[in-house]
Amino acid sequence: ANKVSIIVLLNPMITFITMGILAWLNVSWVEN
C-alpha cells in the first residue's frame, strides 16, 4: 500500500507539468 500511495501522490506533478506545457503552447481552451 505504501508503494501505491507514493506513486499516486505524484499525480500533482503530472498536472503541473501538463499545465506548463499547455501554457507554453498558448492554448485558448484552458486558463493559464
PDB file of all heavy atoms in Angstrom:
ATOM      1  N   ALA A   1       0.818  -1.211   0.000  1.00  0.00           N
ATOM      2  CA  ALA A   1       0.000   0.000   0.000  1.00  0.00           C
ATOM      3  C   ALA A   1       0.854   1.264   0.000  1.00  0.00           C
ATOM      4  O   ALA A   1       0.487   2.269  -0.624  1.00  0.00           O
ATOM      5  CB  ALA A   1      -0.944   0.006   1.207  1.00  0.00           C
ATOM      6  N   ASN A   2       2.009   1.230   0.703  1.00  0.00           N
ATOM      7  CA  ASN A   2       2.823   2.444   0.773  1.00  0.00           C
ATOM      8  C   ASN A   2       3.479   2.761  -0.569  1.00  0.00           C
ATOM      9  O   ASN A   2       3.642   3.925  -0.940  1.00  0.00           O
ATOM     10  CB  ASN A   2       3.879   2.337   1.874  1.00  0.00           C
ATOM     11  CG  ASN A   2       4.862   1.206   1.666  1.00  0.00           C
ATOM     12  OD1 ASN A   2       4.451   0.057   1.496  1.00  0.00           O
ATOM     13  ND2 ASN A   2       6.136   1.499   1.672  1.00  0.00           N
ATOM     14  N   LYS A   3       3.828   1.732  -1.345  1.00  0.00           N
ATOM     15  CA  LYS A   3       4.351   1.972  -2.682  1.00  0.00           C
ATOM     16  C   LYS A   3       3.290   2.610  -3.567  1.00  0.00           C
ATOM     17  O   LYS A   3       3.552   3.555  -4.305  1.00  0.00           O
ATOM     18  CB  LYS A   3       4.816   0.657  -3.318  1.00  0.00           C
ATOM     19  CG  LYS A   3       6.104   0.083  -2.757  1.00  0.00           C
ATOM     20  CD  LYS A   3       6.504  -1.150  -3.543  1.00  0.00           C
ATOM     21  CE  LYS A   3       7.776  -1.767  -2.984  1.00  0.00           C
ATOM     22  NZ  LYS A   3       8.157  -2.994  -3.739  1.00  0.00           N
ATOM     23  N   VAL A   4       2.083   2.077  -3.464  1.00  0.00           N
ATOM     24  CA  VAL A   4       0.961   2.615  -4.250  1.00  0.00           C
ATOM     25  C   VAL A   4       0.695   4.057  -3.864  1.00  0.00           C
ATOM     26  O   VAL A   4       0.516   4.932  -4.723  1.00  0.00           O
ATOM     27  CB  VAL A   4      -0.307   1.762  -4.035  1.00  0.00           C
ATOM     28  CG1 VAL A   4      -1.501   2.398  -4.744  1.00  0.00           C
ATOM     29  CG2 VAL A   4      -0.094   0.345  -4.532  1.00  0.00           C
ATOM     30  N   SER A   5       0.685   4.344  -2.556  1.00  0.00           N
ATOM     31  CA  SER A   5       0.393   5.693  -2.071  1.00  0.00           C
ATOM     32  C   SER A   5       1.405   6.704  -2.594  1.00  0.00           C
ATOM     33  O   SER A   5       1.043   7.800  -3.021  1.00  0.00           O
ATOM     34  CB  SER A   5       0.381   5.718  -0.539  1.00  0.00           C
ATOM     35  OG  SER A   5      -0.632   4.882  -0.034  1.00  0.00           O
ATOM     36  N   ILE A   6       2.682   6.329  -2.562  1.00  0.00           N
ATOM     37  CA  ILE A   6       3.741   7.244  -3.007  1.00  0.00           C
ATOM     38  C   ILE A   6       3.613   7.535  -4.499  1.00  0.00           C
ATOM     39  O   ILE A   6       3.734   8.681  -4.940  1.00  0.00           O
ATOM     40  CB  ILE A   6       5.128   6.669  -2.674  1.00  0.00           C
ATOM     41  CG1 ILE A   6       5.345   6.681  -1.154  1.00  0.00           C
ATOM     42  CG2 ILE A   6       6.226   7.468  -3.363  1.00  0.00           C
ATOM     43  CD1 ILE A   6       6.600   5.984  -0.703  1.00  0.00           C
ATOM     44  N   ILE A   7       3.323   6.502  -5.290  1.00  0.00           N
ATOM     45  CA  ILE A   7       3.170   6.702  -6.735  1.00  0.00           C
ATOM     46  C   ILE A   7       1.963   7.586  -7.036  1.00  0.00           C
ATOM     47  O   ILE A   7       2.044   8.524  -7.841  1.00  0.00           O
ATOM     48  CB  ILE A   7       3.042   5.346  -7.456  1.00  0.00           C
ATOM     49  CG1 ILE A   7       4.347   4.564  -7.341  1.00  0.00           C
ATOM     50  CG2 ILE A   7       2.685   5.548  -8.934  1.00  0.00           C
ATOM     51  CD1 ILE A   7       4.255   3.135  -7.832  1.00  0.00           C
ATOM     52  N   VAL A   8       0.839   7.295  -6.380  1.00  0.00           N
ATOM     53  CA  VAL A   8      -0.381   8.079  -6.616  1.00  0.00           C
ATOM     54  C   VAL A   8      -0.204   9.517  -6.158  1.00  0.00           C
ATOM     55  O   VAL A   8      -0.752  10.449  -6.758  1.00  0.00           O
ATOM     56  CB  VAL A   8      -1.590   7.415  -5.913  1.00  0.00           C
ATOM     57  CG1 VAL A   8      -2.827   8.295  -6.017  1.00  0.00           C
ATOM     58  CG2 VAL A   8      -1.876   6.052  -6.529  1.00  0.00           C
ATOM     59  N   LEU A   9       0.587   9.711  -5.093  1.00  0.00           N
ATOM     60  CA  LEU A   9       0.823  11.064  -4.585  1.00  0.00           C
ATOM     61  C   LEU A   9       1.553  11.955  -5.586  1.00  0.00           C
ATOM     62  O   LEU A   9       1.528  13.178  -5.458  1.00  0.00           O
ATOM     63  CB  LEU A   9       1.644  10.994  -3.293  1.00  0.00           C
ATOM     64  CG  LEU A   9       0.860  10.997  -1.978  1.00  0.00           C
ATOM     65  CD1 LEU A   9       1.807  10.750  -0.811  1.00  0.00           C
ATOM     66  CD2 LEU A   9       0.115  12.288  -1.787  1.00  0.00           C
ATOM     67  N   LEU A  10       2.176  11.350  -6.577  1.00  0.00           N
ATOM     68  CA  LEU A  10       2.913  12.127  -7.568  1.00  0.00           C
ATOM     69  C   LEU A  10       2.007  12.707  -8.653  1.00  0.00           C
ATOM     70  O   LEU A  10       2.482  13.408  -9.547  1.00  0.00           O
ATOM     71  CB  LEU A  10       3.997  11.250  -8.218  1.00  0.00           C
ATOM     72  CG  LEU A  10       5.064  10.689  -7.260  1.00  0.00           C
ATOM     73  CD1 LEU A  10       6.025   9.796  -8.030  1.00  0.00           C
ATOM     74  CD2 LEU A  10       5.821  11.819  -6.574  1.00  0.00           C
ATOM     75  N   ASN A  11       0.693  12.440  -8.561  1.00  0.00           N
ATOM     76  CA  ASN A  11      -0.205  12.920  -9.622  1.00  0.00           C
ATOM     77  C   ASN A  11      -0.228  14.449  -9.778  1.00  0.00           C
ATOM     78  O   ASN A  11      -0.425  14.934 -10.901  1.00  0.00           O
ATOM     79  CB  ASN A  11      -1.619  12.354  -9.435  1.00  0.00           C
ATOM     80  CG  ASN A  11      -2.387  13.017  -8.305  1.00  0.00           C
ATOM     81  OD1 ASN A  11      -2.982  14.085  -8.459  1.00  0.00           O
ATOM     82  ND2 ASN A  11      -2.408  12.366  -7.156  1.00  0.00           N
ATOM     83  N   PRO A  12      -0.022  15.255  -8.707  1.00  0.00           N
ATOM     84  CA  PRO A  12       0.040  16.702  -8.940  1.00  0.00           C
ATOM     85  C   PRO A  12       1.176  17.117  -9.876  1.00  0.00           C
ATOM     86  O   PRO A  12       1.053  18.110 -10.600  1.00  0.00           O
ATOM     87  CB  PRO A  12       0.263  17.283  -7.537  1.00  0.00           C
ATOM     88  CG  PRO A  12      -0.312  16.265  -6.619  1.00  0.00           C
ATOM     89  CD  PRO A  12       0.001  14.946  -7.271  1.00  0.00           C
ATOM     90  N   MET A  13       2.278  16.334  -9.879  1.00  0.00           N
ATOM     91  CA  MET A  13       3.382  16.651 -10.776  1.00  0.00           C
ATOM     92  C   MET A  13       2.934  16.538 -12.234  1.00  0.00           C
ATOM     93  O   MET A  13       3.346  17.333 -13.094  1.00  0.00           O
ATOM     94  CB  MET A  13       4.566  15.713 -10.514  1.00  0.00           C
ATOM     95  CG  MET A  13       5.226  15.908  -9.161  1.00  0.00           C
ATOM     96  SD  MET A  13       6.600  14.762  -8.884  1.00  0.00           S
ATOM     97  CE  MET A  13       7.693  15.225 -10.222  1.00  0.00           C
ATOM     98  N   ILE A  14       2.077  15.545 -12.513  1.00  0.00           N
ATOM     99  CA  ILE A  14       1.551  15.382 -13.870  1.00  0.00           C
ATOM    100  C   ILE A  14       0.716  16.596 -14.253  1.00  0.00           C
ATOM    101  O   ILE A  14       0.815  17.116 -15.373  1.00  0.00           O
ATOM    102  CB  ILE A  14       0.714  14.088 -13.964  1.00  0.00           C
ATOM    103  CG1 ILE A  14       1.593  12.880 -13.678  1.00  0.00           C
ATOM    104  CG2 ILE A  14       0.040  13.978 -15.333  1.00  0.00           C
ATOM    105  CD1 ILE A  14       0.830  11.569 -13.587  1.00  0.00           C
ATOM    106  N   THR A  15      -0.096  17.068 -13.294  1.00  0.00           N
ATOM    107  CA  THR A  15      -0.931  18.242 -13.558  1.00  0.00           C
ATOM    108  C   THR A  15      -0.076  19.481 -13.774  1.00  0.00           C
ATOM    109  O   THR A  15      -0.296  20.244 -14.722  1.00  0.00           O
ATOM    110  CB  THR A  15      -1.895  18.486 -12.377  1.00  0.00           C
ATOM    111  OG1 THR A  15      -2.611  17.289 -12.087  1.00  0.00           O
ATOM    112  CG2 THR A  15      -2.891  19.590 -12.712  1.00  0.00           C
ATOM    113  N   PHE A  16       0.916  19.703 -12.907  1.00  0.00           N
ATOM    114  CA  PHE A  16       1.794  20.870 -13.022  1.00  0.00           C
ATOM    115  C   PHE A  16       2.523  20.870 -14.364  1.00  0.00           C
ATOM    116  O   PHE A  16       2.574  21.887 -15.062  1.00  0.00           O
ATOM    117  CB  PHE A  16       2.810  20.883 -11.878  1.00  0.00           C
ATOM    118  CG  PHE A  16       2.316  21.529 -10.620  1.00  0.00           C
ATOM    119  CD1 PHE A  16       1.396  20.895  -9.794  1.00  0.00           C
ATOM    120  CD2 PHE A  16       2.766  22.783 -10.241  1.00  0.00           C
ATOM    121  CE1 PHE A  16       0.945  21.480  -8.635  1.00  0.00           C
ATOM    122  CE2 PHE A  16       2.314  23.382  -9.077  1.00  0.00           C
ATOM    123  CZ  PHE A  16       1.408  22.737  -8.274  1.00  0.00           C
ATOM    124  N   ILE A  17       3.094  19.722 -14.723  1.00  0.00           N
ATOM    125  CA  ILE A  17       3.864  19.635 -15.964  1.00  0.00           C
ATOM    126  C   ILE A  17       2.958  19.841 -17.179  1.00  0.00           C
ATOM    127  O   ILE A  17       3.300  20.578 -18.115  1.00  0.00           O
ATOM    128  CB  ILE A  17       4.587  18.280 -16.057  1.00  0.00           C
ATOM    129  CG1 ILE A  17       5.675  18.187 -14.981  1.00  0.00           C
ATOM    130  CG2 ILE A  17       5.199  18.078 -17.440  1.00  0.00           C
ATOM    131  CD1 ILE A  17       6.303  16.819 -14.845  1.00  0.00           C
ATOM    132  N   THR A  18       1.795  19.206 -17.154  1.00  0.00           N
ATOM    133  CA  THR A  18       0.864  19.336 -18.283  1.00  0.00           C
ATOM    134  C   THR A  18       0.383  20.771 -18.441  1.00  0.00           C
ATOM    135  O   THR A  18       0.325  21.294 -19.571  1.00  0.00           O
ATOM    136  CB  THR A  18      -0.347  18.407 -18.091  1.00  0.00           C
ATOM    137  OG1 THR A  18       0.105  17.054 -17.920  1.00  0.00           O
ATOM    138  CG2 THR A  18      -1.279  18.473 -19.298  1.00  0.00           C
ATOM    139  N   MET A  19       0.050  21.418 -17.328  1.00  0.00           N
ATOM    140  CA  MET A  19      -0.404  22.809 -17.406  1.00  0.00           C
ATOM    141  C   MET A  19       0.725  23.716 -17.893  1.00  0.00           C
ATOM    142  O   MET A  19       0.484  24.694 -18.611  1.00  0.00           O
ATOM    143  CB  MET A  19      -0.900  23.278 -16.044  1.00  0.00           C
ATOM    144  CG  MET A  19      -2.229  22.648 -15.616  1.00  0.00           C
ATOM    145  SD  MET A  19      -3.584  22.982 -16.771  1.00  0.00           S
ATOM    146  CE  MET A  19      -3.755  24.765 -16.605  1.00  0.00           C
ATOM    147  N   GLY A  20       1.968  23.385 -17.517  1.00  0.00           N
ATOM    148  CA  GLY A  20       3.109  24.159 -18.006  1.00  0.00           C
ATOM    149  C   GLY A  20       3.269  24.018 -19.513  1.00  0.00           C
ATOM    150  O   GLY A  20       3.542  25.002 -20.214  1.00  0.00           O
ATOM    151  N   ILE A  21       3.089  22.803 -20.012  1.00  0.00           N
ATOM    152  CA  ILE A  21       3.190  22.570 -21.458  1.00  0.00           C
ATOM    153  C   ILE A  21       2.075  23.302 -22.202  1.00  0.00           C
ATOM    154  O   ILE A  21       2.307  23.923 -23.253  1.00  0.00           O
ATOM    155  CB  ILE A  21       3.135  21.057 -21.761  1.00  0.00           C
ATOM    156  CG1 ILE A  21       4.377  20.354 -21.204  1.00  0.00           C
ATOM    157  CG2 ILE A  21       3.011  20.811 -23.263  1.00  0.00           C
ATOM    158  CD1 ILE A  21       4.322  18.845 -21.301  1.00  0.00           C
ATOM    159  N   LEU A  22       0.858  23.264 -21.650  1.00  0.00           N
ATOM    160  CA  LEU A  22      -0.270  23.945 -22.288  1.00  0.00           C
ATOM    161  C   LEU A  22      -0.063  25.459 -22.312  1.00  0.00           C
ATOM    162  O   LEU A  22      -0.432  26.137 -23.277  1.00  0.00           O
ATOM    163  CB  LEU A  22      -1.572  23.599 -21.557  1.00  0.00           C
ATOM    164  CG  LEU A  22      -2.035  22.136 -21.650  1.00  0.00           C
ATOM    165  CD1 LEU A  22      -3.270  21.916 -20.800  1.00  0.00           C
ATOM    166  CD2 LEU A  22      -2.297  21.744 -23.101  1.00  0.00           C
ATOM    167  N   ALA A  23       0.541  25.992 -21.226  1.00  0.00           N
ATOM    168  CA  ALA A  23       0.836  27.430 -21.193  1.00  0.00           C
ATOM    169  C   ALA A  23       1.887  27.773 -22.247  1.00  0.00           C
ATOM    170  O   ALA A  23       1.798  28.810 -22.915  1.00  0.00           O
ATOM    171  CB  ALA A  23       1.321  27.836 -19.802  1.00  0.00           C
ATOM    172  N   TRP A  24       2.890  26.899 -22.405  1.00  0.00           N
ATOM    173  CA  TRP A  24       3.940  27.119 -23.411  1.00  0.00           C
ATOM    174  C   TRP A  24       3.358  27.081 -24.825  1.00  0.00           C
ATOM    175  O   TRP A  24       3.763  27.831 -25.703  1.00  0.00           O
ATOM    176  CB  TRP A  24       5.019  26.061 -23.249  1.00  0.00           C
ATOM    177  CG  TRP A  24       6.127  26.175 -24.256  1.00  0.00           C
ATOM    178  CD1 TRP A  24       7.088  27.139 -24.340  1.00  0.00           C
ATOM    179  CD2 TRP A  24       6.382  25.261 -25.327  1.00  0.00           C
ATOM    180  NE1 TRP A  24       7.925  26.907 -25.390  1.00  0.00           N
ATOM    181  CE2 TRP A  24       7.517  25.756 -26.028  1.00  0.00           C
ATOM    182  CE3 TRP A  24       5.782  24.078 -25.770  1.00  0.00           C
ATOM    183  CZ2 TRP A  24       8.045  25.102 -27.126  1.00  0.00           C
ATOM    184  CZ3 TRP A  24       6.316  23.430 -26.862  1.00  0.00           C
ATOM    185  CH2 TRP A  24       7.429  23.951 -27.533  1.00  0.00           C
ATOM    186  N   LEU A  25       2.367  26.193 -25.022  1.00  0.00           N
ATOM    187  CA  LEU A  25       1.700  26.095 -26.324  1.00  0.00           C
ATOM    188  C   LEU A  25       0.686  27.218 -26.540  1.00  0.00           C
ATOM    189  O   LEU A  25       0.165  27.377 -27.642  1.00  0.00           O
ATOM    190  CB  LEU A  25       0.993  24.740 -26.453  1.00  0.00           C
ATOM    191  CG  LEU A  25       1.904  23.505 -26.494  1.00  0.00           C
ATOM    192  CD1 LEU A  25       1.071  22.232 -26.473  1.00  0.00           C
ATOM    193  CD2 LEU A  25       2.803  23.526 -27.727  1.00  0.00           C
ATOM    194  N   ASN A  26       0.412  27.963 -25.445  1.00  0.00           N
ATOM    195  CA  ASN A  26      -0.519  29.106 -25.502  1.00  0.00           C
ATOM    196  C   ASN A  26      -1.902  28.690 -26.006  1.00  0.00           C
ATOM    197  O   ASN A  26      -2.500  29.353 -26.861  1.00  0.00           O
ATOM    198  CB  ASN A  26       0.055  30.209 -26.397  1.00  0.00           C
ATOM    199  CG  ASN A  26      -0.629  31.547 -26.157  1.00  0.00           C
ATOM    200  OD1 ASN A  26      -1.129  31.818 -25.059  1.00  0.00           O
ATOM    201  ND2 ASN A  26      -0.670  32.384 -27.181  1.00  0.00           N
ATOM    202  N   VAL A  27      -2.435  27.601 -25.445  1.00  0.00           N
ATOM    203  CA  VAL A  27      -3.767  27.139 -25.839  1.00  0.00           C
ATOM    204  C   VAL A  27      -4.826  28.104 -25.297  1.00  0.00           C
ATOM    205  O   VAL A  27      -4.623  28.773 -24.274  1.00  0.00           O
ATOM    206  CB  VAL A  27      -4.041  25.716 -25.320  1.00  0.00           C
ATOM    207  CG1 VAL A  27      -3.020  24.739 -25.887  1.00  0.00           C
ATOM    208  CG2 VAL A  27      -4.019  25.673 -23.798  1.00  0.00           C
ATOM    209  N   SER A  28      -5.944  28.150 -25.965  1.00  0.00           N
ATOM    210  CA  SER A  28      -7.010  29.087 -25.574  1.00  0.00           C
ATOM    211  C   SER A  28      -8.142  28.413 -24.802  1.00  0.00           C
ATOM    212  O   SER A  28      -8.998  29.095 -24.251  1.00  0.00           O
ATOM    213  CB  SER A  28      -7.597  29.747 -26.830  1.00  0.00           C
ATOM    214  OG  SER A  28      -8.120  28.771 -27.718  1.00  0.00           O
ATOM    215  N   TRP A  29      -8.139  27.087 -24.757  1.00  0.00           N
ATOM    216  CA  TRP A  29      -9.271  26.377 -24.161  1.00  0.00           C
ATOM    217  C   TRP A  29      -9.106  26.081 -22.669  1.00  0.00           C
ATOM    218  O   TRP A  29      -9.994  25.481 -22.057  1.00  0.00           O
ATOM    219  CB  TRP A  29      -9.562  25.084 -24.911  1.00  0.00           C
ATOM    220  CG  TRP A  29      -8.369  24.294 -25.322  1.00  0.00           C
ATOM    221  CD1 TRP A  29      -7.692  24.362 -26.500  1.00  0.00           C
ATOM    222  CD2 TRP A  29      -7.702  23.282 -24.549  1.00  0.00           C
ATOM    223  NE1 TRP A  29      -6.646  23.470 -26.514  1.00  0.00           N
ATOM    224  CE2 TRP A  29      -6.631  22.792 -25.350  1.00  0.00           C
ATOM    225  CE3 TRP A  29      -7.909  22.745 -23.275  1.00  0.00           C
ATOM    226  CZ2 TRP A  29      -5.779  21.799 -24.902  1.00  0.00           C
ATOM    227  CZ3 TRP A  29      -7.055  21.761 -22.826  1.00  0.00           C
ATOM    228  CH2 TRP A  29      -6.002  21.296 -23.627  1.00  0.00           C
ATOM    229  N   VAL A  30      -8.010  26.493 -22.064  1.00  0.00           N
ATOM    230  CA  VAL A  30      -7.858  26.389 -20.617  1.00  0.00           C
ATOM    231  C   VAL A  30      -7.021  27.566 -20.125  1.00  0.00           C
ATOM    232  O   VAL A  30      -6.048  27.966 -20.774  1.00  0.00           O
ATOM    233  CB  VAL A  30      -7.212  25.036 -20.212  1.00  0.00           C
ATOM    234  CG1 VAL A  30      -5.779  24.955 -20.718  1.00  0.00           C
ATOM    235  CG2 VAL A  30      -7.264  24.825 -18.704  1.00  0.00           C
ATOM    236  N   GLU A  31      -7.415  28.122 -18.998  1.00  0.00           N
ATOM    237  CA  GLU A  31      -6.724  29.296 -18.449  1.00  0.00           C
ATOM    238  C   GLU A  31      -5.349  28.919 -17.923  1.00  0.00           C
ATOM    239  O   GLU A  31      -5.164  27.873 -17.283  1.00  0.00           O
ATOM    240  CB  GLU A  31      -7.571  29.893 -17.316  1.00  0.00           C
ATOM    241  CG  GLU A  31      -7.006  31.164 -16.723  1.00  0.00           C
ATOM    242  CD  GLU A  31      -7.874  31.702 -15.589  1.00  0.00           C
ATOM    243  OE1 GLU A  31      -8.981  31.174 -15.395  1.00  0.00           O
ATOM    244  OE2 GLU A  31      -7.432  32.629 -14.898  1.00  0.00           O
ATOM    245  N   ASN A  32      -4.363  29.768 -18.200  1.00  0.00           N
ATOM    246  CA  ASN A  32      -3.001  29.518 -17.735  1.00  0.00           C
ATOM    247  C   ASN A  32      -2.906  29.626 -16.219  1.00  0.00           C
ATOM    248  O   ASN A  32      -3.643  30.381 -15.579  1.00  0.00           O
ATOM    249  CB  ASN A  32      -2.025  30.510 -18.375  1.00  0.00           C
ATOM    250  CG  ASN A  32      -1.832  30.262 -19.853  1.00  0.00           C
ATOM    251  OD1 ASN A  32      -2.091  29.173 -20.345  1.00  0.00           O
ATOM    252  ND2 ASN A  32      -1.382  31.276 -20.577  1.00  0.00           N
TER     253      ASN A  32
END
